[in-house]
Every structure is written in C-alpha cells, then in structure tokens.
PDB file of N, CA and C in Angstrom:
ATOM      1  N   MET A   1       1.024  -1.179   0.034  1.00  0.00           N
ATOM      2  CA  MET A   1       0.079  -0.237   0.092  1.00  0.00           C
ATOM      3  C   MET A   1       1.084   1.234  -0.285  1.00  0.00           C
ATOM      4  N   ASP A   2       0.735   2.378  -0.932  1.00  0.00           N
ATOM      5  CA  ASP A   2       1.462   3.560  -0.495  1.00  0.00           C
ATOM      6  C   ASP A   2       1.018   4.205  -0.105  1.00  0.00           C
ATOM      7  N   SER A   3       1.532   5.349   0.165  1.00  0.00           N
ATOM      8  CA  SER A   3       1.007   6.325   1.255  1.00  0.00           C
ATOM      9  C   SER A   3       0.022   7.155   1.173  1.00  0.00           C
ATOM     10  N   PHE A   4      -0.833   7.362  -0.418  1.00  0.00           N
ATOM     11  CA  PHE A   4      -1.703   8.065  -0.974  1.00  0.00           C
ATOM     12  C   PHE A   4      -2.558   6.993  -0.355  1.00  0.00           C
ATOM     13  N   GLU A   5      -2.335   5.705  -0.984  1.00  0.00           N
ATOM     14  CA  GLU A   5      -3.755   4.853  -0.321  1.00  0.00           C
ATOM     15  C   GLU A   5      -3.718   4.877   1.408  1.00  0.00           C
ATOM     16  N   PHE A   6      -2.999   4.529   1.517  1.00  0.00           N
ATOM     17  CA  PHE A   6      -2.959   4.664   3.255  1.00  0.00           C
ATOM     18  C   PHE A   6      -3.489   6.041   4.066  1.00  0.00           C
ATOM     19  N   TYR A   7      -3.038   6.774   3.018  1.00  0.00           N
ATOM     20  CA  TYR A   7      -3.430   8.697   3.859  1.00  0.00           C
ATOM     21  C   TYR A   7      -5.302   8.204   3.331  1.00  0.00           C
ATOM     22  N   GLN A   8      -5.514   7.991   2.117  1.00  0.00           N
ATOM     23  CA  GLN A   8      -6.657   8.076   2.131  1.00  0.00           C
ATOM     24  C   GLN A   8      -7.789   6.723   2.864  1.00  0.00           C
ATOM     25  N   MET A   9      -7.345   5.793   3.189  1.00  0.00           N
ATOM     26  CA  MET A   9      -7.833   5.027   4.335  1.00  0.00           C
ATOM     27  C   MET A   9      -8.322   5.488   5.566  1.00  0.00           C
ATOM     28  N   MET A  10      -6.925   6.042   6.185  1.00  0.00           N
ATOM     29  CA  MET A  10      -7.042   6.337   7.508  1.00  0.00           C
ATOM     30  C   MET A  10      -8.089   7.757   7.694  1.00  0.00           C
ATOM     31  N   THR A  11      -8.214   8.795   6.581  1.00  0.00           N
ATOM     32  CA  THR A  11      -9.156   9.830   6.583  1.00  0.00           C
ATOM     33  C   THR A  11     -10.652   9.480   6.007  1.00  0.00           C
ATOM     34  N   SER A  12     -10.900   8.827   5.633  1.00  0.00           N
ATOM     35  CA  SER A  12     -12.309   8.242   5.515  1.00  0.00           C
ATOM     36  C   SER A  12     -13.201   8.396   6.045  1.00  0.00           C
ATOM     37  N   GLY A  13     -12.563   7.838   7.137  1.00  0.00           N
ATOM     38  CA  GLY A  13     -14.318   7.437   7.618  1.00  0.00           C
ATOM     39  C   GLY A  13     -14.850   6.423   8.379  1.00  0.00           C
ATOM     40  N   ARG A  14     -13.683   5.673   7.061  1.00  0.00           N
ATOM     41  CA  ARG A  14     -14.281   3.952   6.980  1.00  0.00           C
ATOM     42  C   ARG A  14     -13.856   3.174   8.134  1.00  0.00           C
ATOM     43  N   LEU A  15     -14.179   2.277   8.602  1.00  0.00           N
ATOM     44  CA  LEU A  15     -13.294   1.374   8.828  1.00  0.00           C
ATOM     45  C   LEU A  15     -12.212   0.566   8.826  1.00  0.00           C
ATOM     46  N   PHE A  16     -10.798  -0.016   9.396  1.00  0.00           N
ATOM     47  CA  PHE A  16     -10.112  -0.248   8.534  1.00  0.00           C
ATOM     48  C   PHE A  16      -9.712  -0.970   9.474  1.00  0.00           C
ATOM     49  N   CYS A  17      -8.218  -1.944   9.068  1.00  0.00           N
ATOM     50  CA  CYS A  17      -8.036  -3.068  10.160  1.00  0.00           C
ATOM     51  C   CYS A  17      -6.665  -2.578  10.551  1.00  0.00           C
ATOM     52  N   TYR A  18      -6.422  -2.378  11.655  1.00  0.00           N
ATOM     53  CA  TYR A  18      -5.125  -1.934  12.481  1.00  0.00           C
ATOM     54  C   TYR A  18      -3.868  -3.316  12.317  1.00  0.00           C
ATOM     55  N   ASN A  19      -4.613  -4.700  12.351  1.00  0.00           N
ATOM     56  CA  ASN A  19      -3.643  -5.705  12.142  1.00  0.00           C
ATOM     57  C   ASN A  19      -3.255  -6.221  10.708  1.00  0.00           C
ATOM     58  N   ASP A  20      -3.799  -5.047   9.800  1.00  0.00           N
ATOM     59  CA  ASP A  20      -3.066  -5.106   8.211  1.00  0.00           C
ATOM     60  C   ASP A  20      -1.326  -5.128   8.293  1.00  0.00           C
ATOM     61  N   PRO A  21      -0.977  -5.991   7.812  1.00  0.00           N
ATOM     62  CA  PRO A  21       0.967  -5.995   7.922  1.00  0.00           C
ATOM     63  C   PRO A  21       1.358  -4.415   7.735  1.00  0.00           C
ATOM     64  N   SER A  22       1.069  -3.500   6.923  1.00  0.00           N
ATOM     65  CA  SER A  22       1.413  -2.284   6.088  1.00  0.00           C
ATOM     66  C   SER A  22       1.147  -1.672   7.361  1.00  0.00           C
ATOM     67  N   ILE A  23      -0.240  -0.639   7.287  1.00  0.00           N
ATOM     68  CA  ILE A  23      -0.443  -0.562   9.095  1.00  0.00           C
ATOM     69  C   ILE A  23       0.017  -0.506  10.123  1.00  0.00           C
ATOM     70  N   ALA A  24       0.102  -1.404  10.337  1.00  0.00           N
ATOM     71  CA  ALA A  24       0.923  -2.033  11.988  1.00  0.00           C
ATOM     72  C   ALA A  24       2.546  -1.775  11.454  1.00  0.00           C
ATOM     73  N   GLN A  25       3.015  -1.222  10.799  1.00  0.00           N
ATOM     74  CA  GLN A  25       4.571  -1.157  10.149  1.00  0.00           C
ATOM     75  C   GLN A  25       4.769   0.159   9.821  1.00  0.00           C
ATOM     76  N   GLU A  26       3.542   0.696   9.895  1.00  0.00           N
ATOM     77  CA  GLU A  26       4.137   2.653   9.165  1.00  0.00           C
ATOM     78  C   GLU A  26       3.605   3.230  10.785  1.00  0.00           C
ATOM     79  N   GLN A  27       2.863   2.231  11.755  1.00  0.00           N
ATOM     80  CA  GLN A  27       2.395   2.811  12.779  1.00  0.00           C
ATOM     81  C   GLN A  27       3.554   2.486  13.429  1.00  0.00           C
ATOM     82  N   LEU A  28       4.129   1.299  13.875  1.00  0.00           N
ATOM     83  CA  LEU A  28       5.361   1.594  15.059  1.00  0.00           C
ATOM     84  C   LEU A  28       6.504   2.301  14.356  1.00  0.00           C
ATOM     85  N   LYS A  29       6.967   2.840  12.912  1.00  0.00           N
ATOM     86  CA  LYS A  29       7.450   3.688  13.057  1.00  0.00           C
ATOM     87  C   LYS A  29       7.180   5.208  13.298  1.00  0.00           C
ATOM     88  N   ARG A  30       6.057   5.643  13.280  1.00  0.00           N
ATOM     89  CA  ARG A  30       5.688   6.505  13.979  1.00  0.00           C
ATOM     90  C   ARG A  30       5.353   6.830  15.202  1.00  0.00           C
ATOM     91  N   LEU A  31       5.354   5.399  16.251  1.00  0.00           N
ATOM     92  CA  LEU A  31       5.454   5.414  17.495  1.00  0.00           C
ATOM     93  C   LEU A  31       7.083   5.698  17.987  1.00  0.00           C
ATOM     94  N   ASP A  32       7.522   5.176  17.153  1.00  0.00           N
ATOM     95  CA  ASP A  32       9.288   5.408  17.168  1.00  0.00           C
ATOM     96  C   ASP A  32       9.704   6.627  17.277  1.00  0.00           C
ATOM     97  N   LEU A  33       8.722   7.444  16.562  1.00  0.00           N
ATOM     98  CA  LEU A  33       9.463   8.888  16.535  1.00  0.00           C
ATOM     99  C   LEU A  33       8.511   9.941  17.857  1.00  0.00           C
ATOM    100  N   VAL A  34       7.404   9.205  18.048  1.00  0.00           N
ATOM    101  CA  VAL A  34       6.619   9.899  19.161  1.00  0.00           C
ATOM    102  C   VAL A  34       8.106   9.123  20.529  1.00  0.00           C
ATOM    103  N   PHE A  35       8.554   8.301  20.904  1.00  0.00           N
ATOM    104  CA  PHE A  35       9.282   7.952  21.876  1.00  0.00           C
ATOM    105  C   PHE A  35      10.598   8.731  21.437  1.00  0.00           C
ATOM    106  N   ALA A  36      11.116   8.603  20.413  1.00  0.00           N
ATOM    107  CA  ALA A  36      12.417   9.327  20.271  1.00  0.00           C
ATOM    108  C   ALA A  36      12.119  10.899  20.640  1.00  0.00           C
ATOM    109  N   TYR A  37      11.218  11.495  20.545  1.00  0.00           N
ATOM    110  CA  TYR A  37      10.571  12.749  20.585  1.00  0.00           C
ATOM    111  C   TYR A  37      10.730  12.671  22.382  1.00  0.00           C
ATOM    112  N   ASN A  38      10.382  12.123  23.195  1.00  0.00           N
ATOM    113  CA  ASN A  38       9.693  12.315  24.343  1.00  0.00           C
ATOM    114  C   ASN A  38      11.419  11.747  25.293  1.00  0.00           C
ATOM    115  N   GLN A  39      12.123  11.262  24.251  1.00  0.00           N
ATOM    116  CA  GLN A  39      13.555  10.822  25.270  1.00  0.00           C
ATOM    117  C   GLN A  39      14.519  12.200  24.830  1.00  0.00           C
ATOM    118  N   LEU A  40      14.072  12.969  24.346  1.00  0.00           N
ATOM    119  CA  LEU A  40      15.035  13.996  24.216  1.00  0.00           C
ATOM    120  C   LEU A  40      15.138  15.303  25.711  1.00  0.00           C
ATOM    121  N   LYS A  41      15.775  15.647  25.952  1.00  0.00           N
ATOM    122  CA  LYS A  41      16.205  16.664  27.031  1.00  0.00           C
ATOM    123  C   LYS A  41      15.432  17.811  26.550  1.00  0.00           C
ATOM    124  N   PRO A  42      15.113  18.678  28.124  1.00  0.00           N
ATOM    125  CA  PRO A  42      14.643  19.759  27.417  1.00  0.00           C
ATOM    126  C   PRO A  42      15.406  20.911  27.381  1.00  0.00           C
ATOM    127  N   SER A  43      16.955  20.630  27.347  1.00  0.00           N
ATOM    128  CA  SER A  43      17.640  21.844  26.742  1.00  0.00           C
ATOM    129  C   SER A  43      18.018  21.269  25.356  1.00  0.00           C
ATOM    130  N   GLN A  44      17.077  20.531  25.024  1.00  0.00           N
ATOM    131  CA  GLN A  44      17.359  19.814  23.370  1.00  0.00           C
ATOM    132  C   GLN A  44      15.879  20.643  22.590  1.00  0.00           C
ATOM    133  N   GLN A  45      15.585  21.840  22.534  1.00  0.00           N
ATOM    134  CA  GLN A  45      15.073  22.645  22.346  1.00  0.00           C
ATOM    135  C   GLN A  45      15.107  22.400  20.747  1.00  0.00           C
ATOM    136  N   GLN A  46      16.003  22.598  20.000  1.00  0.00           N
ATOM    137  CA  GLN A  46      16.278  22.615  18.301  1.00  0.00           C
ATOM    138  C   GLN A  46      15.615  21.183  17.751  1.00  0.00           C
ATOM    139  N   GLN A  47      16.627  20.799  18.791  1.00  0.00           N
ATOM    140  CA  GLN A  47      15.927  18.616  18.240  1.00  0.00           C
ATOM    141  C   GLN A  47      14.398  18.751  18.335  1.00  0.00           C
ATOM    142  N   LYS A  48      13.796  19.345  19.320  1.00  0.00           N
ATOM    143  CA  LYS A  48      12.578  18.852  19.514  1.00  0.00           C
ATOM    144  C   LYS A  48      11.905  20.089  18.290  1.00  0.00           C
ATOM    145  N   GLN A  49      12.101  20.947  17.862  1.00  0.00           N
ATOM    146  CA  GLN A  49      11.389  21.956  16.998  1.00  0.00           C
ATOM    147  C   GLN A  49      11.962  21.335  15.949  1.00  0.00           C
ATOM    148  N   GLU A  50      12.822  19.959  15.172  1.00  0.00           N
ATOM    149  CA  GLU A  50      12.833  19.695  14.305  1.00  0.00           C
ATOM    150  C   GLU A  50      12.373  18.564  14.232  1.00  0.00           C
ATOM    151  N   MET A  51      12.307  17.361  15.132  1.00  0.00           N
ATOM    152  CA  MET A  51      11.052  16.573  14.948  1.00  0.00           C
ATOM    153  C   MET A  51      10.263  16.737  15.321  1.00  0.00           C
ATOM    154  N   LEU A  52       9.187  18.081  15.769  1.00  0.00           N
ATOM    155  CA  LEU A  52       7.836  18.070  15.658  1.00  0.00           C
ATOM    156  C   LEU A  52       7.693  18.776  13.817  1.00  0.00           C
ATOM    157  N   LYS A  53       8.450  19.292  13.562  1.00  0.00           N
ATOM    158  CA  LYS A  53       8.115  19.413  11.953  1.00  0.00           C
ATOM    159  C   LYS A  53       8.631  18.455  11.113  1.00  0.00           C
ATOM    160  N   ALA A  54       8.675  17.226  11.398  1.00  0.00           N
ATOM    161  CA  ALA A  54       9.625  16.337  10.759  1.00  0.00           C
ATOM    162  C   ALA A  54       7.918  15.374  10.807  1.00  0.00           C
ATOM    163  N   MET A  55       7.373  15.198  12.204  1.00  0.00           N
ATOM    164  CA  MET A  55       6.086  14.252  12.524  1.00  0.00           C
ATOM    165  C   MET A  55       5.155  15.191  12.100  1.00  0.00           C
ATOM    166  N   PHE A  56       4.688  16.066  12.344  1.00  0.00           N
ATOM    167  CA  PHE A  56       3.426  16.841  11.818  1.00  0.00           C
ATOM    168  C   PHE A  56       3.288  17.111  10.354  1.00  0.00           C
ATOM    169  N   ALA A  57       1.663  17.059   9.572  1.00  0.00           N
ATOM    170  CA  ALA A  57       1.504  17.296   8.175  1.00  0.00           C
ATOM    171  C   ALA A  57       1.794  19.108   8.623  1.00  0.00           C
ATOM    172  N   GLU A  58       1.787  19.720   9.432  1.00  0.00           N
ATOM    173  CA  GLU A  58       1.900  21.082   9.569  1.00  0.00           C
ATOM    174  C   GLU A  58       1.868  21.745  10.870  1.00  0.00           C
ATOM    175  N   ILE A  59       3.364  21.938  11.378  1.00  0.00           N
ATOM    176  CA  ILE A  59       3.173  22.633  12.553  1.00  0.00           C
ATOM    177  C   ILE A  59       3.954  24.010  12.658  1.00  0.00           C
ATOM    178  N   GLY A  60       3.172  25.162  13.439  1.00  0.00           N
ATOM    179  CA  GLY A  60       3.442  26.762  12.995  1.00  0.00           C
ATOM    180  C   GLY A  60       4.928  26.735  14.089  1.00  0.00           C
ATOM    181  N   GLU A  61       5.421  27.717  13.985  1.00  0.00           N
ATOM    182  CA  GLU A  61       6.322  28.391  14.362  1.00  0.00           C
ATOM    183  C   GLU A  61       5.943  28.531  16.367  1.00  0.00           C
ATOM    184  N   ASP A  62       6.530  28.383  16.540  1.00  0.00           N
ATOM    185  CA  ASP A  62       6.369  28.602  18.104  1.00  0.00           C
ATOM    186  C   ASP A  62       5.584  27.856  19.272  1.00  0.00           C
ATOM    187  N   CYS A  63       5.471  26.123  18.539  1.00  0.00           N
ATOM    188  CA  CYS A  63       4.571  25.505  19.423  1.00  0.00           C
ATOM    189  C   CYS A  63       5.469  24.583  20.406  1.00  0.00           C
ATOM    190  N   TYR A  64       4.909  24.420  20.943  1.00  0.00           N
ATOM    191  CA  TYR A  64       5.336  23.670  22.617  1.00  0.00           C
ATOM    192  C   TYR A  64       5.020  22.680  23.055  1.00  0.00           C
ATOM    193  N   LEU A  65       5.298  21.473  22.771  1.00  0.00           N
ATOM    194  CA  LEU A  65       4.720  19.969  23.529  1.00  0.00           C
ATOM    195  C   LEU A  65       5.874  19.680  24.673  1.00  0.00           C
ATOM    196  N   GLU A  66       5.304  19.640  25.813  1.00  0.00           N
ATOM    197  CA  GLU A  66       5.690  19.038  27.069  1.00  0.00           C
ATOM    198  C   GLU A  66       5.968  17.240  26.831  1.00  0.00           C
ATOM    199  N   THR A  67       6.696  17.099  27.168  1.00  0.00           N
ATOM    200  CA  THR A  67       6.397  15.815  27.392  1.00  0.00           C
ATOM    201  C   THR A  67       6.373  14.971  28.783  1.00  0.00           C
ATOM    202  N   PRO A  68       5.436  13.698  28.955  1.00  0.00           N
ATOM    203  CA  PRO A  68       5.693  13.362  27.319  1.00  0.00           C
ATOM    204  C   PRO A  68       4.771  13.350  27.005  1.00  0.00           C
ATOM    205  N   PHE A  69       4.339  13.185  25.234  1.00  0.00           N
ATOM    206  CA  PHE A  69       3.370  13.789  24.454  1.00  0.00           C
ATOM    207  C   PHE A  69       3.259  12.475  23.978  1.00  0.00           C
ATOM    208  N   TYR A  70       1.928  11.876  23.837  1.00  0.00           N
ATOM    209  CA  TYR A  70       1.296  10.458  22.813  1.00  0.00           C
ATOM    210  C   TYR A  70       0.466  10.817  21.320  1.00  0.00           C
ATOM    211  N   SER A  71       0.538  10.207  21.153  1.00  0.00           N
ATOM    212  CA  SER A  71       0.005   9.909  19.569  1.00  0.00           C
ATOM    213  C   SER A  71       0.005   8.749  18.951  1.00  0.00           C
ATOM    214  N   GLU A  72      -1.020   8.117  17.842  1.00  0.00           N
ATOM    215  CA  GLU A  72      -1.024   7.066  17.602  1.00  0.00           C
ATOM    216  C   GLU A  72      -0.719   6.885  16.514  1.00  0.00           C
ATOM    217  N   TRP A  73      -0.215   8.288  15.494  1.00  0.00           N
ATOM    218  CA  TRP A  73       0.409   8.323  14.039  1.00  0.00           C
ATOM    219  C   TRP A  73       1.517   9.880  14.182  1.00  0.00           C
ATOM    220  N   ALA A  74       2.094   9.798  15.228  1.00  0.00           N
ATOM    221  CA  ALA A  74       2.528  11.104  15.395  1.00  0.00           C
ATOM    222  C   ALA A  74       2.620  12.478  15.137  1.00  0.00           C
ATOM    223  N   GLY A  75       1.385  12.546  14.549  1.00  0.00           N
ATOM    224  CA  GLY A  75       0.895  13.816  14.102  1.00  0.00           C
ATOM    225  C   GLY A  75       0.986  13.993  12.678  1.00  0.00           C
ATOM    226  N   LYS A  76       1.015  12.590  12.087  1.00  0.00           N
ATOM    227  CA  LYS A  76       0.891  12.203  10.719  1.00  0.00           C
ATOM    228  C   LYS A  76      -0.299  13.171   9.684  1.00  0.00           C
ATOM    229  N   PHE A  77      -1.034  13.021  10.747  1.00  0.00           N
ATOM    230  CA  PHE A  77      -2.545  13.528   9.796  1.00  0.00           C
ATOM    231  C   PHE A  77      -3.062  14.752  11.037  1.00  0.00           C
ATOM    232  N   CYS A  78      -2.160  15.876  11.500  1.00  0.00           N
ATOM    233  CA  CYS A  78      -2.470  16.687  12.724  1.00  0.00           C
ATOM    234  C   CYS A  78      -1.618  18.307  11.466  1.00  0.00           C
ATOM    235  N   ARG A  79      -2.815  19.079  12.135  1.00  0.00           N
ATOM    236  CA  ARG A  79      -2.043  20.502  11.167  1.00  0.00           C
ATOM    237  C   ARG A  79      -2.366  21.382  12.375  1.00  0.00           C
ATOM    238  N   PHE A  80      -1.414  22.295  13.090  1.00  0.00           N
ATOM    239  CA  PHE A  80      -0.928  22.669  14.385  1.00  0.00           C
ATOM    240  C   PHE A  80      -0.701  24.570  13.614  1.00  0.00           C
ATOM    241  N   GLY A  81      -1.460  25.289  13.968  1.00  0.00           N
ATOM    242  CA  GLY A  81      -1.182  26.446  13.590  1.00  0.00           C
ATOM    243  C   GLY A  81       0.288  27.012  14.432  1.00  0.00           C
ATOM    244  N   LYS A  82       0.283  28.038  14.675  1.00  0.00           N
ATOM    245  CA  LYS A  82       1.208  28.873  15.397  1.00  0.00           C
ATOM    246  C   LYS A  82       1.158  28.999  17.146  1.00  0.00           C
ATOM    247  N   GLY A  83       2.754  28.644  17.718  1.00  0.00           N
ATOM    248  CA  GLY A  83       2.314  29.355  19.460  1.00  0.00           C
ATOM    249  C   GLY A  83       1.268  28.742  19.735  1.00  0.00           C
ATOM    250  N   ILE A  84       1.374  27.334  19.609  1.00  0.00           N
ATOM    251  CA  ILE A  84       0.406  26.106  20.240  1.00  0.00           C
ATOM    252  C   ILE A  84       1.648  25.835  21.430  1.00  0.00           C
ATOM    253  N   TYR A  85       1.155  25.286  22.947  1.00  0.00           N
ATOM    254  CA  TYR A  85       1.205  24.922  24.019  1.00  0.00           C
ATOM    255  C   TYR A  85       0.532  23.549  23.994  1.00  0.00           C
ATOM    256  N   ALA A  86       1.050  22.340  24.466  1.00  0.00           N
ATOM    257  CA  ALA A  86       0.551  21.242  24.878  1.00  0.00           C
ATOM    258  C   ALA A  86       1.366  20.647  26.163  1.00  0.00           C
ATOM    259  N   ASN A  87       0.404  21.089  27.828  1.00  0.00           N
ATOM    260  CA  ASN A  87       0.990  20.603  29.057  1.00  0.00           C
ATOM    261  C   ASN A  87       1.523  18.900  28.484  1.00  0.00           C
ATOM    262  N   TYR A  88       1.871  18.396  29.782  1.00  0.00           N
ATOM    263  CA  TYR A  88       2.267  17.362  30.076  1.00  0.00           C
ATOM    264  C   TYR A  88       1.285  15.870  30.108  1.00  0.00           C
ATOM    265  N   ASN A  89       1.449  15.037  29.274  1.00  0.00           N
ATOM    266  CA  ASN A  89       0.351  13.599  28.784  1.00  0.00           C
ATOM    267  C   ASN A  89      -0.574  14.375  27.865  1.00  0.00           C
ATOM    268  N   PHE A  90      -0.214  15.151  26.910  1.00  0.00           N
ATOM    269  CA  PHE A  90      -0.792  15.466  25.899  1.00  0.00           C
ATOM    270  C   PHE A  90      -1.506  14.047  24.629  1.00  0.00           C
ATOM    271  N   MET A  91      -2.446  14.101  24.438  1.00  0.00           N
ATOM    272  CA  MET A  91      -2.806  12.624  23.874  1.00  0.00           C
ATOM    273  C   MET A  91      -3.733  13.233  22.732  1.00  0.00           C
ATOM    274  N   LEU A  92      -2.737  12.632  21.644  1.00  0.00           N
ATOM    275  CA  LEU A  92      -3.852  12.698  20.084  1.00  0.00           C
ATOM    276  C   LEU A  92      -4.087  11.496  19.561  1.00  0.00           C
ATOM    277  N   VAL A  93      -5.189  11.453  19.259  1.00  0.00           N
ATOM    278  CA  VAL A  93      -5.926  10.646  18.816  1.00  0.00           C
ATOM    279  C   VAL A  93      -6.214  10.644  17.506  1.00  0.00           C
ATOM    280  N   ASP A  94      -5.215  10.507  16.658  1.00  0.00           N
ATOM    281  CA  ASP A  94      -4.821  11.555  15.126  1.00  0.00           C
ATOM    282  C   ASP A  94      -4.806  10.299  14.577  1.00  0.00           C
ATOM    283  N   ASP A  95      -6.354   9.173  14.265  1.00  0.00           N
ATOM    284  CA  ASP A  95      -6.317   8.297  13.554  1.00  0.00           C
ATOM    285  C   ASP A  95      -7.286   9.224  12.190  1.00  0.00           C
ATOM    286  N   GLY A  96      -7.493  10.356  12.618  1.00  0.00           N
ATOM    287  CA  GLY A  96      -8.379  11.282  11.723  1.00  0.00           C
ATOM    288  C   GLY A  96      -7.706  12.894  11.322  1.00  0.00           C
ATOM    289  N   GLU A  97      -8.147  13.249  10.874  1.00  0.00           N
ATOM    290  CA  GLU A  97      -7.376  14.542  10.385  1.00  0.00           C
ATOM    291  C   GLU A  97      -7.508  15.299  11.788  1.00  0.00           C
ATOM    292  N   ILE A  98      -6.775  16.243  12.531  1.00  0.00           N
ATOM    293  CA  ILE A  98      -6.842  16.843  13.636  1.00  0.00           C
ATOM    294  C   ILE A  98      -6.285  18.531  12.922  1.00  0.00           C
ATOM    295  N   THR A  99      -6.864  19.548  13.075  1.00  0.00           N
ATOM    296  CA  THR A  99      -6.937  21.147  12.977  1.00  0.00           C
ATOM    297  C   THR A  99      -6.903  21.658  14.788  1.00  0.00           C
ATOM    298  N   VAL A 100      -6.104  22.389  14.709  1.00  0.00           N
ATOM    299  CA  VAL A 100      -5.188  23.441  15.249  1.00  0.00           C
ATOM    300  C   VAL A 100      -5.455  24.299  15.114  1.00  0.00           C
ATOM    301  N   GLY A 101      -6.066  25.361  15.728  1.00  0.00           N
ATOM    302  CA  GLY A 101      -5.944  26.694  15.158  1.00  0.00           C
ATOM    303  C   GLY A 101      -4.964  27.613  16.162  1.00  0.00           C
ATOM    304  N   ASP A 102      -4.207  28.866  15.662  1.00  0.00           N
ATOM    305  CA  ASP A 102      -2.755  29.423  16.210  1.00  0.00           C
ATOM    306  C   ASP A 102      -3.350  29.955  17.894  1.00  0.00           C
ATOM    307  N   TYR A 103      -2.280  29.748  18.515  1.00  0.00           N
ATOM    308  CA  TYR A 103      -2.292  30.438  20.048  1.00  0.00           C
ATOM    309  C   TYR A 103      -3.745  29.559  20.926  1.00  0.00           C
ATOM    310  N   THR A 104      -2.973  27.997  20.435  1.00  0.00           N
ATOM    311  CA  THR A 104      -4.421  27.225  21.287  1.00  0.00           C
ATOM    312  C   THR A 104      -3.304  26.449  22.516  1.00  0.00           C
ATOM    313  N   MET A 105      -3.797  26.553  23.803  1.00  0.00           N
ATOM    314  CA  MET A 105      -3.259  26.076  24.594  1.00  0.00           C
ATOM    315  C   MET A 105      -4.061  24.715  25.407  1.00  0.00           C
ATOM    316  N   PHE A 106      -3.301  23.603  25.693  1.00  0.00           N
ATOM    317  CA  PHE A 106      -4.325  22.542  26.035  1.00  0.00           C
ATOM    318  C   PHE A 106      -3.304  22.535  28.020  1.00  0.00           C
ATOM    319  N   GLY A 107      -4.282  22.074  28.230  1.00  0.00           N
ATOM    320  CA  GLY A 107      -3.695  21.765  29.761  1.00  0.00           C
ATOM    321  C   GLY A 107      -3.461  20.470  29.708  1.00  0.00           C
ATOM    322  N   PRO A 108      -3.021  20.071  31.170  1.00  0.00           N
ATOM    323  CA  PRO A 108      -2.527  18.449  31.576  1.00  0.00           C
ATOM    324  C   PRO A 108      -3.626  17.219  31.445  1.00  0.00           C
ATOM    325  N   ASN A 109      -3.066  16.334  30.834  1.00  0.00           N
ATOM    326  CA  ASN A 109      -3.956  15.284  30.707  1.00  0.00           C
ATOM    327  C   ASN A 109      -4.964  15.462  29.688  1.00  0.00           C
ATOM    328  N   VAL A 110      -4.854  15.935  28.623  1.00  0.00           N
ATOM    329  CA  VAL A 110      -5.853  16.550  27.626  1.00  0.00           C
ATOM    330  C   VAL A 110      -5.773  15.265  26.485  1.00  0.00           C
ATOM    331  N   THR A 111      -7.153  14.539  25.611  1.00  0.00           N
ATOM    332  CA  THR A 111      -6.806  13.788  24.832  1.00  0.00           C
ATOM    333  C   THR A 111      -7.846  14.651  24.060  1.00  0.00           C
TER     334      THR A 111
END
C-alpha cells in the first residue's frame, strides 16, 4: 500500500483493520518517532522543533509540546497553527485529521 492509499484509508471515516501488516508497520515507525521525541532533554529545544516539523503534517512556529506526549500516528494527520502549547501527557488520537488554530493552549492530561 502506498502512502496515498494509506492516507485515504485513514482519513476516509471508514473502518479499517489495524492488524493489516502495512498499517501496523507504518504505525510502529510513527510510534518510534514519538518515543524518540519523548527521550529528548528539555535543553534540546532545537531538536524538538526539528522533530515536530518532521512528524506533523503542518506545524507553525513557536509550538511547544511538553513531554511525555502521546500520539497514535505522531502527528501525521495533524495541522497545528503557530504558538501552540501542550502541557504534560498530551494525547492525540490522530486516526483522522486534527486541525488546531493559532495560540491554542492545552492543559495537562488532555486527549
């Protein structure tokens, strides 16, 4: 399954099977990205910003996600505006598209 087919299936609103090998393989790659992000030190702000830009479909400037941060697909289907702050234990259930506008703040333990 190519990336386009995968994206269409994920965002179509139709049911799909998580144990499909191509989906499971892609999700494991994305979960590894979230794990790596969560291992960065607070002082590694530049690396955090680079990872967020690599993980998310779109992410604006001055976005900060406290760790730990959780996501099914590491932001693959998420579009974040600028100036977003997410406190500890932020969880994205991003099996479909998520759009967050500029200057949004999330408290701790938000899904």
